[in-house]
Amino acid sequence: MERTNGTPILLKQVTEIRDGLRKETVVVEANGLYYIKGDTVYLTFDEQYEGRTVKNVVKIHEDEVVVLRSGAVKMRHTFRKHKETVGTYENELARWSLKTKTDEVRYQYNEKAKKGQLFFSYILQLAERDAGRYKVTILFREERT
């Protein structure tokens, strides 16, 4: 992987979903890239969804996280601390509107250790129906060559 396009990273994303009594945890581990453009941090990585690839771009700026997904799943959503936001989620079967109320956005990067952590939590409405509380943690560290 060329460093001109960013720093190669090892990334682990853990999503905890609580919907009533139901609790689900989804873990994605991937190689990706970390880079900074202006005052925005970018994390890019691919994940597998039902045997197909989904490209993910996570943009982090102050109290805001933008998640862009393309491929087998298409999604564009902005999470802003203490705000309600609207976006879309789409797969080969259908397209849904998303509405979230984001409680928390925290990002930190340790330059010395070359690792970072992003945490954000929100309540999701999918197609105007409550779909639970989500907590997303992304841990990443520079890949040692």
C-alpha atoms as a PDB file:
ATOM      1  CA  MET A   1       0.000   0.000   0.000  1.00  0.00           C
ATOM      2  CA  GLU A   2       1.390   3.397  -0.903  1.00  0.00           C
ATOM      3  CA  ARG A   3       1.793   5.910   1.874  1.00  0.00           C
ATOM      4  CA  THR A   4       1.090   8.815  -0.482  1.00  0.00           C
ATOM      5  CA  ASN A   5      -2.634   8.099  -0.124  1.00  0.00           C
ATOM      6  CA  GLY A   6      -2.589   7.949   3.661  1.00  0.00           C
ATOM      7  CA  THR A   7      -1.138   5.888   6.467  1.00  0.00           C
ATOM      8  CA  PRO A   8      -2.018   2.163   6.413  1.00  0.00           C
ATOM      9  CA  ILE A   9      -3.926   1.162   9.557  1.00  0.00           C
ATOM     10  CA  LEU A  10      -5.411  -1.863  11.254  1.00  0.00           C
ATOM     11  CA  LEU A  11      -8.984  -1.029  12.234  1.00  0.00           C
ATOM     12  CA  LYS A  12     -11.615  -2.629  14.455  1.00  0.00           C
ATOM     13  CA  GLN A  13     -15.186  -1.319  14.471  1.00  0.00           C
ATOM     14  CA  VAL A  14     -17.553  -2.575  17.171  1.00  0.00           C
ATOM     15  CA  THR A  15     -21.236  -1.665  16.897  1.00  0.00           C
ATOM     16  CA  GLU A  16     -23.486  -2.435  19.852  1.00  0.00           C
ATOM     17  CA  ILE A  17     -27.208  -2.377  19.059  1.00  0.00           C
ATOM     18  CA  ARG A  18     -29.898  -2.377  21.755  1.00  0.00           C
ATOM     19  CA  ASP A  19     -33.535  -2.602  20.701  1.00  0.00           C
ATOM     20  CA  GLY A  20     -35.755  -3.284  23.664  1.00  0.00           C
ATOM     21  CA  LEU A  21     -34.508  -6.544  25.189  1.00  0.00           C
ATOM     22  CA  ARG A  22     -32.554  -7.477  22.056  1.00  0.00           C
ATOM     23  CA  LYS A  23     -28.815  -6.830  22.089  1.00  0.00           C
ATOM     24  CA  GLU A  24     -26.531  -7.427  19.128  1.00  0.00           C
ATOM     25  CA  THR A  25     -22.844  -6.746  18.623  1.00  0.00           C
ATOM     26  CA  VAL A  26     -21.326  -6.469  15.147  1.00  0.00           C
ATOM     27  CA  VAL A  27     -17.533  -6.472  14.761  1.00  0.00           C
ATOM     28  CA  VAL A  28     -15.647  -5.507  11.613  1.00  0.00           C
ATOM     29  CA  GLU A  29     -11.874  -5.875  11.426  1.00  0.00           C
ATOM     30  CA  ALA A  30     -10.109  -4.488   8.361  1.00  0.00           C
ATOM     31  CA  ASN A  31      -7.025  -2.909   6.920  1.00  0.00           C
ATOM     32  CA  GLY A  32      -7.563   0.697   5.946  1.00  0.00           C
ATOM     33  CA  LEU A  33      -6.083   4.150   5.614  1.00  0.00           C
ATOM     34  CA  TYR A  34      -5.870   7.120   7.978  1.00  0.00           C
ATOM     35  CA  TYR A  35      -5.245  10.626   6.714  1.00  0.00           C
ATOM     36  CA  ILE A  36      -5.912  14.255   7.537  1.00  0.00           C
ATOM     37  CA  LYS A  37      -7.132  16.808   5.014  1.00  0.00           C
ATOM     38  CA  GLY A  38      -7.389  20.330   6.417  1.00  0.00           C
ATOM     39  CA  ASP A  39      -8.883  19.914   9.884  1.00  0.00           C
ATOM     40  CA  THR A  40     -10.817  16.741   9.036  1.00  0.00           C
ATOM     41  CA  VAL A  41      -9.658  13.186   9.829  1.00  0.00           C
ATOM     42  CA  TYR A  42     -10.512  10.423   7.369  1.00  0.00           C
ATOM     43  CA  LEU A  43     -10.633   6.671   7.938  1.00  0.00           C
ATOM     44  CA  THR A  44     -11.236   4.446   4.910  1.00  0.00           C
ATOM     45  CA  PHE A  45     -11.737   0.679   4.882  1.00  0.00           C
ATOM     46  CA  ASP A  46     -13.603  -2.091   3.097  1.00  0.00           C
ATOM     47  CA  GLU A  47     -15.910  -4.607   4.742  1.00  0.00           C
ATOM     48  CA  GLN A  48     -17.726  -7.688   3.492  1.00  0.00           C
ATOM     49  CA  TYR A  49     -21.544  -7.671   3.466  1.00  0.00           C
ATOM     50  CA  GLU A  50     -23.243 -10.899   2.366  1.00  0.00           C
ATOM     51  CA  GLY A  51     -20.186 -11.829   0.301  1.00  0.00           C
ATOM     52  CA  ARG A  52     -19.913  -8.428  -1.376  1.00  0.00           C
ATOM     53  CA  THR A  53     -17.642  -5.456  -0.673  1.00  0.00           C
ATOM     54  CA  VAL A  54     -18.761  -2.244   1.004  1.00  0.00           C
ATOM     55  CA  LYS A  55     -16.369   0.723   0.851  1.00  0.00           C
ATOM     56  CA  ASN A  56     -16.479   2.901   3.981  1.00  0.00           C
ATOM     57  CA  VAL A  57     -15.293   6.464   4.468  1.00  0.00           C
ATOM     58  CA  VAL A  58     -15.560   7.957   7.960  1.00  0.00           C
ATOM     59  CA  LYS A  59     -14.974  11.721   8.195  1.00  0.00           C
ATOM     60  CA  ILE A  60     -14.337  13.145  11.669  1.00  0.00           C
ATOM     61  CA  HIS A  61     -14.521  16.883  12.335  1.00  0.00           C
ATOM     62  CA  GLU A  62     -15.043  18.353  15.825  1.00  0.00           C
ATOM     63  CA  ASP A  63     -18.426  17.059  17.148  1.00  0.00           C
ATOM     64  CA  GLU A  64     -19.458  15.543  13.811  1.00  0.00           C
ATOM     65  CA  VAL A  65     -18.961  12.196  12.080  1.00  0.00           C
ATOM     66  CA  VAL A  66     -19.970  11.574   8.463  1.00  0.00           C
ATOM     67  CA  VAL A  67     -20.295   7.948   7.334  1.00  0.00           C
ATOM     68  CA  LEU A  68     -20.234   7.261   3.597  1.00  0.00           C
ATOM     69  CA  ARG A  69     -20.737   3.708   2.373  1.00  0.00           C
ATOM     70  CA  SER A  70     -20.807   2.498  -1.217  1.00  0.00           C
ATOM     71  CA  GLY A  71     -20.961  -0.850  -2.984  1.00  0.00           C
ATOM     72  CA  ALA A  72     -23.316  -3.600  -1.747  1.00  0.00           C
ATOM     73  CA  VAL A  73     -24.758  -1.029   0.698  1.00  0.00           C
ATOM     74  CA  LYS A  74     -25.093   2.686   0.055  1.00  0.00           C
ATOM     75  CA  MET A  75     -25.373   5.089   2.950  1.00  0.00           C
ATOM     76  CA  ARG A  76     -24.667   8.712   3.627  1.00  0.00           C
ATOM     77  CA  HIS A  77     -25.291  10.014   7.111  1.00  0.00           C
ATOM     78  CA  THR A  78     -24.007  12.793   9.327  1.00  0.00           C
ATOM     79  CA  PHE A  79     -23.951  12.303  13.094  1.00  0.00           C
ATOM     80  CA  ARG A  80     -23.789  15.606  15.029  1.00  0.00           C
ATOM     81  CA  LYS A  81     -23.493  15.650  18.808  1.00  0.00           C
ATOM     82  CA  HIS A  82     -26.839  16.611  20.438  1.00  0.00           C
ATOM     83  CA  LYS A  83     -28.585  16.985  17.037  1.00  0.00           C
ATOM     84  CA  GLU A  84     -31.164  15.124  14.964  1.00  0.00           C
ATOM     85  CA  THR A  85     -30.023  14.405  11.415  1.00  0.00           C
ATOM     86  CA  VAL A  86     -31.540  12.712   8.367  1.00  0.00           C
ATOM     87  CA  GLY A  87     -29.877  10.444   5.798  1.00  0.00           C
ATOM     88  CA  THR A  88     -30.463   7.392   3.584  1.00  0.00           C
ATOM     89  CA  TYR A  89     -29.602   3.690   3.609  1.00  0.00           C
ATOM     90  CA  GLU A  90     -29.928   1.540   0.515  1.00  0.00           C
ATOM     91  CA  ASN A  91     -29.220  -2.019  -0.595  1.00  0.00           C
ATOM     92  CA  GLU A  92     -30.262  -3.993  -3.677  1.00  0.00           C
ATOM     93  CA  LEU A  93     -33.748  -4.527  -2.217  1.00  0.00           C
ATOM     94  CA  ALA A  94     -34.852  -1.101  -0.999  1.00  0.00           C
ATOM     95  CA  ARG A  95     -34.009   2.424   0.128  1.00  0.00           C
ATOM     96  CA  TRP A  96     -34.884   3.727   3.593  1.00  0.00           C
ATOM     97  CA  SER A  97     -34.731   7.098   5.266  1.00  0.00           C
ATOM     98  CA  LEU A  98     -32.646   7.316   8.442  1.00  0.00           C
ATOM     99  CA  LYS A  99     -33.123   9.722  11.295  1.00  0.00           C
ATOM    100  CA  THR A 100     -30.739   9.798  14.231  1.00  0.00           C
ATOM    101  CA  LYS A 101     -30.428  11.684  17.483  1.00  0.00           C
ATOM    102  CA  THR A 102     -26.726  11.610  18.355  1.00  0.00           C
ATOM    103  CA  ASP A 103     -25.840  11.678  22.065  1.00  0.00           C
ATOM    104  CA  GLU A 104     -22.079  11.532  21.986  1.00  0.00           C
ATOM    105  CA  VAL A 105     -19.128  12.000  19.639  1.00  0.00           C
ATOM    106  CA  ARG A 106     -15.603  11.522  21.001  1.00  0.00           C
ATOM    107  CA  TYR A 107     -12.381  11.247  19.035  1.00  0.00           C
ATOM    108  CA  GLN A 108      -8.805  11.014  20.233  1.00  0.00           C
ATOM    109  CA  TYR A 109      -5.512  10.222  18.552  1.00  0.00           C
ATOM    110  CA  ASN A 110      -2.250   9.446  20.303  1.00  0.00           C
ATOM    111  CA  GLU A 111       0.554  10.657  18.039  1.00  0.00           C
ATOM    112  CA  LYS A 112       3.260   8.888  20.042  1.00  0.00           C
ATOM    113  CA  ALA A 113       1.519   5.488  20.007  1.00  0.00           C
ATOM    114  CA  LYS A 114       0.154   6.056  16.460  1.00  0.00           C
ATOM    115  CA  LYS A 115      -3.324   4.927  17.411  1.00  0.00           C
ATOM    116  CA  GLY A 116      -6.757   6.464  17.683  1.00  0.00           C
ATOM    117  CA  GLN A 117     -10.272   5.896  18.894  1.00  0.00           C
ATOM    118  CA  LEU A 118     -13.640   7.189  17.727  1.00  0.00           C
ATOM    119  CA  PHE A 119     -16.831   6.669  19.729  1.00  0.00           C
ATOM    120  CA  PHE A 120     -20.318   7.845  18.837  1.00  0.00           C
ATOM    121  CA  SER A 121     -23.762   6.826  20.071  1.00  0.00           C
ATOM    122  CA  TYR A 122     -27.211   7.523  18.707  1.00  0.00           C
ATOM    123  CA  ILE A 123     -30.860   6.530  18.630  1.00  0.00           C
ATOM    124  CA  LEU A 124     -31.941   5.352  15.174  1.00  0.00           C
ATOM    125  CA  GLN A 125     -35.250   5.625  13.358  1.00  0.00           C
ATOM    126  CA  LEU A 126     -35.347   3.614  10.140  1.00  0.00           C
ATOM    127  CA  ALA A 127     -38.260   4.341   7.772  1.00  0.00           C
ATOM    128  CA  GLU A 128     -39.883   6.301  10.641  1.00  0.00           C
ATOM    129  CA  ARG A 129     -39.799   3.332  13.045  1.00  0.00           C
ATOM    130  CA  ASP A 130     -37.615   3.120  16.160  1.00  0.00           C
ATOM    131  CA  ALA A 131     -34.688   0.785  15.488  1.00  0.00           C
ATOM    132  CA  GLY A 132     -32.828   1.046  18.789  1.00  0.00           C
ATOM    133  CA  ARG A 133     -29.770   2.631  20.351  1.00  0.00           C
ATOM    134  CA  TYR A 134     -26.421   2.226  18.633  1.00  0.00           C
ATOM    135  CA  LYS A 135     -22.951   2.629  20.108  1.00  0.00           C
ATOM    136  CA  VAL A 136     -20.073   2.586  17.623  1.00  0.00           C
ATOM    137  CA  THR A 137     -16.420   2.314  18.636  1.00  0.00           C
ATOM    138  CA  ILE A 138     -13.665   2.415  16.037  1.00  0.00           C
ATOM    139  CA  LEU A 139     -10.161   1.581  17.236  1.00  0.00           C
ATOM    140  CA  PHE A 140      -7.260   1.911  14.839  1.00  0.00           C
ATOM    141  CA  ARG A 141      -3.502   1.844  14.886  1.00  0.00           C
ATOM    142  CA  GLU A 142      -0.800   2.403  12.342  1.00  0.00           C
ATOM    143  CA  GLU A 143       0.132  -0.774  10.549  1.00  0.00           C
ATOM    144  CA  ARG A 144       3.754  -1.685  11.183  1.00  0.00           C
ATOM    145  CA  THR A 145       5.598  -2.582   8.013  1.00  0.00           C
END
